[in-house]
């Protein structure tokens, strides 16, 4: 990174981009950037000395910039991107910079359609509190480090590896975690086979002395891990698959009681001898925790130490984040925007709050996703007492005819098939007024989906 002194980020307000900006600042780089909106988090960058431009303008790019980094949402006709190319300034994708930071380091990458933010946060928490001082690039705010990213002076780099636009292929990690593989980002991939082949390409980047970690409860991950040459470690609730040649961490004695989850682990049927507890619910979070412990163990962090750190872990921001309680209503905020994630979150709430009714305000994320998984969205809210669906949030320009799918159609389909008390409400402010009138004590309010929905949770708790 010596050659780059001044770095400009197009789309600096995104959680991953702002994290990279912070790391660049810690490496004594001059940092500037732009975003379309003056969103939450930009004031923090300004306070750190970053020049932030609101709006994309060619005039923001000058020839003393050494490197331009762009987020995946940037189109080819973006005026700043066009100007950077005209001036022959190197332009990197976000994950190219992450890959550069991992070069000649021990890179830990966490991949999968679901759970990667939580696993990344857990690994970061363990390594940080164990004194390893890693560089961390998370996909969310991590309470244990007080930020979404930090620069550490060790050889460890921990990063969330996003599959959108096949971005993770810019990485060459020493350690790779795969939580699950299923259909997602169908604006990038043709089908599940295309997704599987891309994950296989990524897994093949792990060197023979590295480690490939996979959840073997997921049939696609199990299939992918067969025959790989790196050190193989699997984990899951089921028995060790006969086709798997690596070490297997089997989760045993799962239990949930009074806001705590407990479990033990056996390695190839030999008891590990450590009891684990979590403050966040659900079997999916137990799987996330075991993945994090496997990585820590490989990096020579004592398992008991890792267990003690995870016992205090309260979750990543917007991942089953218990925001507070008001008038007997527990408020939880979650980023879940895929049907599988939504089902897992609802299951976790039912487990922790079995006697409370569940209200959900859902902000669908992207037209393509809503269309591609329409039937799954119709079915994933089964058993919810009250559901409010807002207009679809368009984080990046839709590449389909938006008349094909909308929240009204989704609500009508849910009404006709499931009999759930569901309402279409276009804006979150309208939803807030409706909630104030109708919500009762001894309920759980879940704000779910696209990032702006967390504003509603905060507003309710005021």
Protein backbone atom coordinates (compact mmCIF):
# COMPACT_ATOMS: atom_id res chain seq x y z
CA UNK A 1 0.00 0.00 0.00
CA UNK A 2 3.06 2.27 0.04
CA UNK A 3 2.40 3.57 -3.48
CA UNK A 4 -1.09 4.76 -2.59
CA UNK A 5 -1.22 7.90 -0.50
CA UNK A 6 -4.63 9.30 -1.41
CA UNK A 7 -7.62 6.96 -1.73
CA UNK A 8 -11.10 7.92 -2.90
CA UNK A 9 -14.18 5.77 -2.18
CA UNK A 10 -17.24 5.94 -4.46
CA UNK A 11 -20.11 4.89 -2.22
CA UNK A 12 -18.25 5.53 1.04
CA UNK A 13 -21.40 5.43 3.17
CA UNK A 14 -21.90 1.67 2.88
CA UNK A 15 -20.95 -0.27 5.99
CA UNK A 16 -18.17 -2.22 4.27
CA UNK A 17 -16.81 0.79 2.39
CA UNK A 18 -16.75 2.99 5.47
CA UNK A 19 -14.88 0.23 7.29
CA UNK A 20 -12.23 0.13 4.57
CA UNK A 21 -11.97 3.92 4.78
CA UNK A 22 -11.26 3.66 8.51
CA UNK A 23 -8.56 1.07 7.92
CA UNK A 24 -6.93 3.27 5.26
CA UNK A 25 -6.93 6.19 7.70
CA UNK A 26 -5.26 4.02 10.33
CA UNK A 27 -2.61 3.21 7.71
CA UNK A 28 -1.90 6.96 7.35
CA UNK A 29 -3.61 7.36 3.99
CA UNK A 30 -5.48 10.49 2.95
CA UNK A 31 -9.09 9.43 2.46
CA UNK A 32 -12.03 11.04 0.72
CA UNK A 33 -15.22 9.75 -0.84
CA UNK A 34 -18.80 10.31 -1.89
CA UNK A 35 -22.28 8.95 -1.39
CA UNK A 36 -25.68 9.77 -2.82
CA UNK A 37 -27.22 10.49 0.58
CA UNK A 38 -25.96 11.94 3.83
CA UNK A 39 -26.61 8.67 5.64
CA UNK A 40 -25.90 7.49 9.17
CA UNK A 41 -22.19 6.90 9.75
CA UNK A 42 -20.84 9.65 7.53
CA UNK A 43 -20.51 12.08 10.43
CA UNK A 44 -18.15 9.62 12.10
CA UNK A 45 -15.97 9.59 8.98
CA UNK A 46 -15.97 13.38 8.87
CA UNK A 47 -14.87 13.51 12.51
CA UNK A 48 -11.99 11.18 11.62
CA UNK A 49 -10.85 13.59 8.91
CA UNK A 50 -12.46 12.13 5.79
CA UNK A 51 -13.71 14.58 3.19
CA UNK A 52 -17.22 13.36 2.29
CA UNK A 53 -19.03 14.60 -0.81
CA UNK A 54 -22.80 14.16 -1.07
CA UNK A 55 -23.64 13.25 -4.63
CA UNK A 56 -21.41 11.84 -7.36
CA UNK A 57 -19.70 14.49 -9.46
CA UNK A 58 -16.75 14.33 -11.84
CA UNK A 59 -15.40 17.46 -10.15
CA UNK A 60 -14.70 15.41 -7.02
CA UNK A 61 -12.00 13.47 -8.86
CA UNK A 62 -8.61 15.07 -9.47
CA UNK A 63 -5.33 13.70 -10.73
CA UNK A 64 -3.61 13.64 -7.33
CA UNK A 65 -5.80 10.67 -6.27
CA UNK A 66 -3.74 7.47 -6.31
CA UNK A 67 -6.53 4.90 -6.06
CA UNK A 68 -10.30 4.90 -6.53
CA UNK A 69 -12.32 2.17 -4.79
CA UNK A 70 -15.92 1.55 -5.81
CA UNK A 71 -18.78 -0.36 -4.28
CA UNK A 72 -20.67 -3.00 -6.26
CA UNK A 73 -23.67 -0.71 -6.73
CA UNK A 74 -21.72 1.71 -8.92
CA UNK A 75 -22.73 1.67 -12.61
CA UNK A 76 -20.29 2.16 -15.50
CA UNK A 77 -21.72 5.60 -16.28
CA UNK A 78 -21.09 6.96 -12.78
CA UNK A 79 -19.47 10.40 -13.38
CA UNK A 80 -16.73 9.86 -10.78
CA UNK A 81 -15.85 6.47 -12.20
CA UNK A 82 -15.81 7.86 -15.74
CA UNK A 83 -13.53 10.71 -14.69
CA UNK A 84 -11.17 8.41 -12.79
CA UNK A 85 -10.76 6.25 -15.86
CA UNK A 86 -10.26 9.32 -18.06
CA UNK A 87 -7.41 10.39 -15.75
CA UNK A 88 -5.96 6.83 -15.79
CA UNK A 89 -6.34 6.53 -12.01
CA UNK A 90 -6.36 2.88 -10.88
CA UNK A 91 -9.90 1.75 -10.04
CA UNK A 92 -10.45 -1.22 -7.74
CA UNK A 93 -13.54 -3.03 -6.64
CA UNK A 94 -14.08 -3.03 -2.89
CA UNK A 95 -13.03 -6.65 -2.48
CA UNK A 96 -9.87 -6.06 -4.48
CA UNK A 97 -8.72 -3.73 -1.71
CA UNK A 98 -9.68 -6.32 0.92
CA UNK A 99 -7.69 -8.90 -1.03
CA UNK A 100 -4.73 -6.54 -1.16
CA UNK A 101 -4.87 -6.13 2.62
CA UNK A 102 -4.86 -9.93 2.99
CA UNK A 103 -1.81 -10.34 0.77
CA UNK A 104 1.11 -11.88 2.69
CA UNK A 105 -1.13 -12.09 5.77
CA UNK A 106 -3.18 -14.82 7.39
CA UNK A 107 -6.51 -13.99 5.81
CA UNK A 108 -9.73 -15.29 7.34
CA UNK A 109 -12.73 -15.00 5.00
CA UNK A 110 -16.30 -15.83 5.99
CA UNK A 111 -18.68 -16.72 3.16
CA UNK A 112 -22.20 -18.05 2.73
CA UNK A 113 -25.64 -16.72 1.92
CA UNK A 114 -26.58 -16.35 5.58
CA UNK A 115 -24.72 -15.93 8.86
CA UNK A 116 -21.47 -14.51 7.56
CA UNK A 117 -21.82 -11.18 9.39
CA UNK A 118 -22.44 -12.92 12.71
CA UNK A 119 -19.60 -15.43 12.21
CA UNK A 120 -17.22 -12.62 11.21
CA UNK A 121 -18.25 -10.64 14.29
CA UNK A 122 -17.77 -13.67 16.56
CA UNK A 123 -14.31 -14.41 15.15
CA UNK A 124 -13.40 -10.73 15.51
CA UNK A 125 -14.60 -10.65 19.12
CA UNK A 126 -12.65 -13.78 20.07
CA UNK A 127 -9.40 -12.70 18.42
CA UNK A 128 -9.62 -9.15 19.71
CA UNK A 129 -10.39 -10.10 23.31
CA UNK A 130 -7.76 -12.85 23.20
CA UNK A 131 -5.16 -10.16 22.44
CA UNK A 132 -4.44 -11.14 18.82
CA UNK A 133 -5.04 -7.59 17.48
CA UNK A 134 -6.37 -8.52 14.03
CA UNK A 135 -7.39 -6.22 11.22
CA UNK A 136 -11.17 -6.56 11.02
CA UNK A 137 -13.48 -5.76 8.12
CA UNK A 138 -17.04 -6.54 9.13
CA UNK A 139 -20.36 -6.23 7.40
CA UNK A 140 -21.93 -4.55 10.40
CA UNK A 141 -21.12 -2.65 13.59
CA UNK A 142 -19.31 -5.02 15.97
CA UNK A 143 -19.93 -4.08 19.58
CA UNK A 144 -16.78 -5.78 20.86
CA UNK A 145 -14.53 -3.47 18.83
CA UNK A 146 -16.84 -0.45 18.89
CA UNK A 147 -16.85 -0.15 15.11
CA UNK A 148 -17.45 -1.99 11.84
CA UNK A 149 -13.69 -2.19 11.21
CA UNK A 150 -10.28 -1.71 12.75
CA UNK A 151 -6.65 -1.89 11.74
CA UNK A 152 -4.48 -4.25 13.74
CA UNK A 153 -0.72 -4.66 13.65
CA UNK A 154 -0.76 -8.48 13.65
CA UNK A 155 -0.65 -10.77 10.62
CA UNK A 156 -4.35 -11.59 10.95
CA UNK A 157 -7.00 -10.11 8.65
CA UNK A 158 -10.64 -11.11 9.21
CA UNK A 159 -13.17 -10.15 6.56
CA UNK A 160 -16.70 -10.90 5.46
CA UNK A 161 -16.60 -12.32 1.93
CA UNK A 162 -19.61 -11.24 -0.12
CA UNK A 163 -20.78 -13.42 -3.01
CA UNK A 164 -22.66 -10.61 -4.79
CA UNK A 165 -21.16 -9.99 -8.25
CA UNK A 166 -18.75 -12.86 -7.40
CA UNK A 167 -16.82 -10.30 -5.37
CA UNK A 168 -15.19 -12.84 -3.04
CA UNK A 169 -13.12 -14.20 -5.93
CA UNK A 170 -10.86 -11.17 -5.37
CA UNK A 171 -9.70 -12.82 -2.12
CA UNK A 172 -7.11 -15.54 -1.51
CA UNK A 173 -7.65 -16.45 2.16
CA UNK A 174 -5.65 -18.85 4.26
CA UNK A 175 -8.81 -19.77 6.17
CA UNK A 176 -12.24 -19.92 4.56
CA UNK A 177 -15.56 -20.48 6.32
CA UNK A 178 -18.64 -21.50 4.32
CA UNK A 179 -21.89 -21.31 6.29
CA UNK A 180 -24.36 -22.32 3.56
CA UNK A 181 -24.94 -22.27 -0.17
CA UNK A 182 -28.36 -21.66 -1.70
CA UNK A 183 -30.07 -19.47 -4.26
CA UNK A 184 -29.51 -15.75 -3.66
CA UNK A 185 -28.43 -12.72 -5.74
CA UNK A 186 -30.08 -14.11 -8.84
CA UNK A 187 -29.28 -10.85 -10.62
CA UNK A 188 -25.67 -12.09 -10.50
CA UNK A 189 -26.08 -15.86 -10.89
CA UNK A 190 -27.96 -17.90 -13.48
CA UNK A 191 -28.99 -20.70 -11.13
CA UNK A 192 -27.86 -22.76 -8.14
CA UNK A 193 -25.33 -24.61 -10.26
CA UNK A 194 -23.70 -21.30 -11.18
CA UNK A 195 -23.58 -20.35 -7.48
CA UNK A 196 -22.08 -23.72 -6.53
CA UNK A 197 -19.40 -23.50 -9.21
CA UNK A 198 -18.44 -19.99 -8.07
CA UNK A 199 -18.15 -21.09 -4.43
CA UNK A 200 -16.03 -24.02 -5.64
CA UNK A 201 -13.69 -21.59 -7.40
CA UNK A 202 -13.41 -19.63 -4.17
CA UNK A 203 -12.75 -22.75 -2.07
CA UNK A 204 -10.01 -23.81 -4.48
CA UNK A 205 -8.11 -20.64 -3.61
CA UNK A 206 -7.39 -21.94 -0.09
CA UNK A 207 -3.79 -23.26 0.02
CA UNK A 208 -2.98 -26.82 1.04
CA UNK A 209 -1.68 -25.64 4.44
CA UNK A 210 -4.77 -23.48 4.98
CA UNK A 211 -8.14 -24.51 6.36
CA UNK A 212 -11.56 -24.90 4.78
CA UNK A 213 -14.40 -24.83 7.32
CA UNK A 214 -17.93 -25.80 6.32
CA UNK A 215 -21.35 -26.44 7.82
CA UNK A 216 -22.09 -30.02 6.79
CA UNK A 217 -25.77 -29.69 7.69
CA UNK A 218 -25.92 -27.86 4.37
CA UNK A 219 -25.91 -30.44 1.58
CA UNK A 220 -24.29 -28.06 -0.92
CA UNK A 221 -21.42 -27.23 1.44
CA UNK A 222 -20.89 -30.94 2.13
CA UNK A 223 -20.79 -31.69 -1.58
CA UNK A 224 -18.33 -28.86 -2.22
CA UNK A 225 -15.89 -29.90 0.52
CA UNK A 226 -15.38 -33.43 -0.80
CA UNK A 227 -11.93 -33.91 -2.25
CA UNK A 228 -10.49 -30.52 -1.34
CA UNK A 229 -6.76 -30.51 -0.48
CA UNK A 230 -6.67 -27.96 2.36
CA UNK A 231 -7.20 -28.94 6.00
CA UNK A 232 -10.90 -29.78 6.15
CA UNK A 233 -13.06 -29.11 9.20
CA UNK A 234 -16.80 -29.65 9.20
CA UNK A 235 -19.41 -28.83 11.80
CA UNK A 236 -23.11 -29.44 12.35
CA UNK A 237 -25.84 -31.05 14.43
CA UNK A 238 -25.96 -34.32 12.52
CA UNK A 239 -23.57 -37.24 12.68
CA UNK A 240 -20.36 -37.05 10.70
CA UNK A 241 -21.12 -37.86 7.05
CA UNK A 242 -19.39 -41.00 5.86
CA UNK A 243 -18.21 -39.18 2.75
CA UNK A 244 -16.36 -36.50 4.74
CA UNK A 245 -12.65 -37.13 5.36
CA UNK A 246 -11.86 -34.15 7.58
CA UNK A 247 -12.27 -33.39 11.28
CA UNK A 248 -15.88 -33.01 12.37
CA UNK A 249 -17.22 -30.85 15.22
CA UNK A 250 -20.60 -32.27 16.19
CA UNK A 251 -22.95 -30.10 18.26
CA UNK A 252 -24.65 -31.95 21.11
CA UNK A 253 -27.10 -31.33 23.94
CA UNK A 254 -28.62 -28.16 22.51
CA UNK A 255 -30.87 -26.42 25.03
CA UNK A 256 -32.59 -23.07 25.41
CA UNK A 257 -33.88 -21.64 28.67
CA UNK A 258 -34.52 -18.19 30.13
CA UNK A 259 -32.72 -16.21 27.44
CA UNK A 260 -29.66 -18.45 27.20
CA UNK A 261 -28.66 -21.17 24.75
CA UNK A 262 -26.34 -23.98 25.83
CA UNK A 263 -24.56 -26.82 24.03
CA UNK A 264 -21.49 -29.05 23.94
CA UNK A 265 -19.27 -30.24 21.11
CA UNK A 266 -17.61 -33.53 20.24
CA UNK A 267 -14.67 -33.82 17.82
CA UNK A 268 -15.05 -37.02 15.80
CA UNK A 269 -17.11 -38.41 18.70
CA UNK A 270 -14.52 -37.44 21.34
CA UNK A 271 -15.95 -34.97 23.86
CA UNK A 272 -14.29 -31.56 23.68
CA UNK A 273 -14.86 -31.01 27.39
CA UNK A 274 -16.10 -27.41 27.15
CA UNK A 275 -19.64 -26.20 27.71
CA UNK A 276 -20.82 -23.27 25.63
CA UNK A 277 -23.54 -20.70 26.22
CA UNK A 278 -24.90 -17.90 24.07
CA UNK A 279 -27.07 -14.87 24.74
CA UNK A 280 -28.47 -14.97 21.20
CA UNK A 281 -31.07 -17.58 20.22
CA UNK A 282 -31.48 -20.26 17.62
CA UNK A 283 -29.68 -23.28 16.29
CA UNK A 284 -28.41 -21.15 13.41
CA UNK A 285 -26.46 -19.01 15.88
CA UNK A 286 -25.02 -22.12 17.53
CA UNK A 287 -23.73 -23.12 14.10
CA UNK A 288 -22.27 -19.64 13.70
CA UNK A 289 -20.56 -19.86 17.07
CA UNK A 290 -18.99 -23.26 16.37
CA UNK A 291 -17.60 -21.98 13.07
CA UNK A 292 -15.97 -19.10 14.95
CA UNK A 293 -14.49 -21.41 17.60
CA UNK A 294 -13.03 -23.69 14.91
CA UNK A 295 -11.21 -20.72 13.37
CA UNK A 296 -9.98 -19.54 16.78
CA UNK A 297 -8.75 -23.04 17.63
CA UNK A 298 -6.81 -23.24 14.35
CA UNK A 299 -5.20 -19.90 15.25
CA UNK A 300 -4.15 -21.34 18.64
CA UNK A 301 -6.67 -19.50 20.78
CA UNK A 302 -7.67 -21.68 23.73
CA UNK A 303 -11.16 -23.13 23.23
CA UNK A 304 -12.20 -22.36 26.80
CA UNK A 305 -11.15 -18.74 26.28
CA UNK A 306 -13.20 -18.60 23.08
CA UNK A 307 -16.20 -20.07 24.91
CA UNK A 308 -15.96 -17.46 27.67
CA UNK A 309 -15.81 -14.63 25.13
CA UNK A 310 -18.80 -15.97 23.18
CA UNK A 311 -20.79 -16.27 26.41
CA UNK A 312 -20.74 -12.46 26.57
CA UNK A 313 -21.35 -11.91 22.85
CA UNK A 314 -24.60 -10.01 22.27
CA UNK A 315 -24.74 -10.12 18.49
CA UNK A 316 -23.75 -7.98 15.55
CA UNK A 317 -25.64 -4.81 14.79
CA UNK A 318 -28.94 -5.52 12.97
CA UNK A 319 -28.51 -9.28 13.43
CA UNK A 320 -31.17 -10.26 15.98
CA UNK A 321 -30.30 -7.05 17.81
CA UNK A 322 -32.43 -6.63 20.92
CA UNK A 323 -32.82 -2.86 20.91
CA UNK A 324 -34.74 -2.50 24.18
CA UNK A 325 -38.17 -2.68 25.77
CA UNK A 326 -40.97 -0.12 26.09
CA UNK A 327 -44.35 -0.56 27.75
CA UNK A 328 -43.90 -4.32 27.81
CA UNK A 329 -42.97 -4.53 24.12
CA UNK A 330 -39.57 -6.10 23.32
CA UNK A 331 -38.06 -4.44 20.23
CA UNK A 332 -35.74 -6.48 18.00
CA UNK A 333 -34.13 -5.31 14.76
CA UNK A 334 -32.80 -7.68 12.11
CA UNK A 335 -31.39 -7.31 8.62
CA UNK A 336 -32.98 -10.54 7.40
CA UNK A 337 -34.01 -10.00 3.79
CA UNK A 338 -34.00 -13.57 2.43
CA UNK A 339 -36.76 -16.08 3.32
CA UNK A 340 -34.29 -18.45 5.02
CA UNK A 341 -32.99 -15.65 7.24
CA UNK A 342 -36.52 -14.56 8.10
CA UNK A 343 -37.53 -18.11 9.10
CA UNK A 344 -34.44 -18.41 11.32
CA UNK A 345 -35.15 -15.09 13.03
CA UNK A 346 -38.79 -15.95 13.69
CA UNK A 347 -37.72 -19.34 15.08
CA UNK A 348 -35.27 -17.60 17.42
CA UNK A 349 -37.92 -15.19 18.68
CA UNK A 350 -40.39 -18.01 19.33
CA UNK A 351 -37.68 -19.81 21.27
CA UNK A 352 -36.74 -16.83 23.47
CA UNK A 353 -40.25 -15.39 23.87
CA UNK A 354 -42.66 -18.33 23.61
CA UNK A 355 -45.55 -16.57 25.38
CA UNK A 356 -45.45 -13.28 23.46
CA UNK A 357 -47.28 -12.42 20.24
CA UNK A 358 -45.03 -11.36 17.37
CA UNK A 359 -45.46 -8.18 15.33
CA UNK A 360 -43.28 -7.71 12.26
CA UNK A 361 -42.72 -4.62 10.14
CA UNK A 362 -40.96 -5.86 7.00
CA UNK A 363 -39.17 -3.69 4.46
CA UNK A 364 -38.46 -5.90 1.42
CA UNK A 365 -34.98 -5.42 -0.03
CA UNK A 366 -34.66 -5.21 -3.85
CA UNK A 367 -37.21 -5.91 -6.58
CA UNK A 368 -35.23 -8.80 -8.09
CA UNK A 369 -35.00 -10.64 -4.78
CA UNK A 370 -38.70 -10.13 -4.03
CA UNK A 371 -39.63 -11.49 -7.46
CA UNK A 372 -37.19 -14.41 -7.45
CA UNK A 373 -38.28 -15.61 -4.01
CA UNK A 374 -41.90 -14.47 -4.09
CA UNK A 375 -43.41 -17.83 -3.10
CA UNK A 376 -40.84 -18.28 -0.35
CA UNK A 377 -41.66 -14.83 1.08
CA UNK A 378 -45.35 -15.73 1.03
CA UNK A 379 -44.64 -18.81 3.17
CA UNK A 380 -41.90 -17.64 5.54
CA UNK A 381 -44.14 -15.57 7.86
CA UNK A 382 -46.34 -18.48 8.89
CA UNK A 383 -47.62 -18.17 12.47
CA UNK A 384 -46.87 -14.46 12.86
CA UNK A 385 -49.68 -12.62 14.67
CA UNK A 386 -49.31 -9.29 12.83
CA UNK A 387 -47.36 -8.38 9.70
CA UNK A 388 -46.91 -4.97 8.05
CA UNK A 389 -45.17 -4.83 4.67
CA UNK A 390 -43.68 -1.59 3.35
CA UNK A 391 -42.93 -0.66 -0.25
CA UNK A 392 -39.88 -2.46 -1.67
CA UNK A 393 -36.59 -0.73 -0.91
CA UNK A 394 -34.49 -0.19 -4.04
CA UNK A 395 -30.90 -0.11 -2.78
CA UNK A 396 -29.58 -0.28 -6.33
CA UNK A 397 -31.33 0.27 -9.64
CA UNK A 398 -33.65 -2.59 -10.50
CA UNK A 399 -32.87 -4.48 -13.69
CA UNK A 400 -36.40 -5.83 -14.10
CA UNK A 401 -39.75 -4.29 -14.92
CA UNK A 402 -40.88 -3.13 -11.48
CA UNK A 403 -44.53 -3.59 -12.41
CA UNK A 404 -43.92 -7.35 -12.22
CA UNK A 405 -43.69 -7.35 -8.45
CA UNK A 406 -44.58 -5.04 -5.59
CA UNK A 407 -45.50 -5.15 -1.92
CA UNK A 408 -49.24 -4.98 -2.62
CA UNK A 409 -49.01 -8.23 -4.61
CA UNK A 410 -46.96 -9.84 -1.85
CA UNK A 411 -49.50 -8.84 0.82
CA UNK A 412 -52.43 -10.16 -1.21
CA UNK A 413 -50.66 -13.48 -1.74
CA UNK A 414 -49.90 -13.81 1.99
CA UNK A 415 -53.56 -13.04 2.81
CA UNK A 416 -54.89 -15.63 0.39
CA UNK A 417 -52.57 -18.47 1.38
CA UNK A 418 -51.83 -18.11 5.07
CA UNK A 419 -54.60 -16.13 6.72
CA UNK A 420 -52.08 -13.95 8.53
CA UNK A 421 -53.25 -10.52 9.73
CA UNK A 422 -51.16 -8.63 7.19
CA UNK A 423 -51.33 -5.05 5.94
CA UNK A 424 -49.68 -3.11 3.15
CA UNK A 425 -48.40 0.26 4.40
CA UNK A 426 -46.21 2.20 1.92
CA UNK A 427 -44.01 4.23 4.32
CA UNK A 428 -42.42 3.46 7.67
CA UNK A 429 -43.86 6.61 9.26
CA UNK A 430 -47.38 5.36 8.50
CA UNK A 431 -46.44 2.00 9.96
CA UNK A 432 -45.21 3.72 13.11
CA UNK A 433 -48.54 5.52 13.59
CA UNK A 434 -50.43 2.26 13.06
CA UNK A 435 -48.23 0.48 15.58
CA UNK A 436 -48.79 3.14 18.23
CA UNK A 437 -52.54 2.63 17.94
CA UNK A 438 -52.66 -1.15 17.81
CA UNK A 439 -49.67 -2.74 19.54
CA UNK A 440 -50.22 -4.09 23.04
CA UNK A 441 -48.06 -5.09 25.99
CA UNK A 442 -46.38 -8.50 26.17
CA UNK A 443 -45.50 -8.51 22.49
CA UNK A 444 -42.33 -8.64 20.43
CA UNK A 445 -41.89 -6.03 17.72
CA UNK A 446 -39.47 -7.11 14.99
CA UNK A 447 -38.31 -4.53 12.46
CA UNK A 448 -37.02 -6.56 9.57
CA UNK A 449 -35.26 -6.06 6.26
CA UNK A 450 -33.66 -3.13 4.48
CA UNK A 451 -31.39 -0.91 6.55
CA UNK A 452 -33.67 2.14 6.98
CA UNK A 453 -36.20 0.04 8.95
CA UNK A 454 -34.03 0.31 12.07
CA UNK A 455 -35.14 3.96 12.27
CA UNK A 456 -38.62 2.71 13.12
CA UNK A 457 -37.28 0.57 15.98
CA UNK A 458 -35.39 3.54 17.42
CA UNK A 459 -38.43 5.80 17.01
CA UNK A 460 -40.66 3.35 18.88
CA UNK A 461 -38.24 3.24 21.81
CA UNK A 462 -37.97 7.03 22.19
